Amino acid sequence: MEDLGEKFLEKLIDRSLVQVSRRGYTGTNVKTCRVHDLFRDLCTKKAREEKFLEIIQQPSAELDVTLAEPMLRRICIHPSERKVHLKGEHPKLLSLLLPEKETLQELCISKCKSFKFLRVLTLLKRCNCKKWHVSTEIGNLLHLRYLKLGCRYRMILPPSIGRLKSLYTLYMKFNYGVVIPDVVFKLESLRHIVLKGGAEGMESGIPLRPELITSKNIETLKSVVVDEKPIDYNVVFRLTNIQSLGIVFTRIKYLKPILILLAKLQRLGSLSLEFLDLSYPSYLDLEPLSQCHHLSKLRLMGAIEEGPNPSHHVLKFLPPNIVKLTLCDCKMRQDPMGVLGKLRHLRILYLFKTKNERKMICVANEFPRLNSLTVIDLKELNEWKIEEGAMSCL
């Protein structure tokens, strides 16, 4: 279904009805797009006539939405409403959107059974409470396929979410952690699980446990946590269809054996590794990464250090087919440019708060395909020399 949707989108792009704003790191799939104002007005007008979509705009503190038209299929409410009470019977409603940038504090849906065909729901709760107990009534939305939830504090999902047998994507954004009932991992239709924690939620994730990681259908899983508890490494083999994976290590000693297993996952194309182990020597052995030939996107975050007398650079064994690389909060005594410049397919490079040699050198003919470079907060860097012929595509 996703492939079919992308084909329809590409047809609209070819006809110049839709303009591409940003493509993915591979340069093929579309990440964001836009349309001309006149075309948008035409689409929204036609959508209202066909009872396909309704956009509600009222700059008030509270908003009671009682729609006279019960056959609407999609509703988008914005901006500035702080309390929204959605009333009435909407048996055909498939999509309810409250944009992420708004300041929703409270959403009340009268008679959840009136929205039983809802397939897409995105909610952002911004309030002063320390915990958000997501309503148990969400379990009544039996046809829900996409659920996005966000809050500034701690999020607690109800066990009733286990009734969402059609759920395909679960996206959660929080600052102080999340509590996920075990029943979530028994949903056979679930393909994408994304957890995005803030500064206080970095360690929040799904424990790498056999009783939790039971489905072989998962394609996106961000993130799982590897802590001090013993690991059943066979859990990794269950992720046979995984394409995008994020792992947070609070114990570095499990890194190498897990990387060896990841190299056997043939569909894995995107990998994020975070290192939060402050009690263990952080001299990392990333050699197994060189066998992850299918990886095209890699993110390394945390205390990446070399040994006191390193025989090679800690990044020497990065996968050869990497297209996008992100390094954040790393600590490297040696200049990484000599190693990174030899990645012939590298097109996008991010360097965030990375501590390394005070001088970096990019020699001629290195970084042959790099067309995007982002550098932020390299405080210790005094000199960066780029020879003629290096980064020729920038």
Foldseek 3Di string as FASTA:
>chain_A
DVVVVQVVVVVCVVVVQKAAPDADLVPPHGDDIDGDPVSVVVVVVVCVVVLAEDEAEDQDQEEEADDPDQARAEYEYDDNHQEYEYDDANQNHAYYYDDPPHAHAYYHYPPLLSQLNHAYDADEHEDDDQEDEPDLSVLSNQNHAYYEYEYAHEYEYDPSVLSNLNHAEYHYEYAAEYHDDLSVQVNANYAEYAYHYHPNHPQHAAELACSRLPYCRHAYGPAYEDEDDDHDLCSLVSVLNHAEYEYEYLDQVCVVVNLLSLLPNLRHAYYEYEYDHPPDPQAHQPQSQQSNQNYAYYEYYDEHEHDPDDPDWNCQRHHLNHAEYEYEHYEYAAACQVRQQNSANHAYYEYYLYEYHQEHEHEAQTPVRHQYYHYYNHPSHDYYYYDPRGNVND
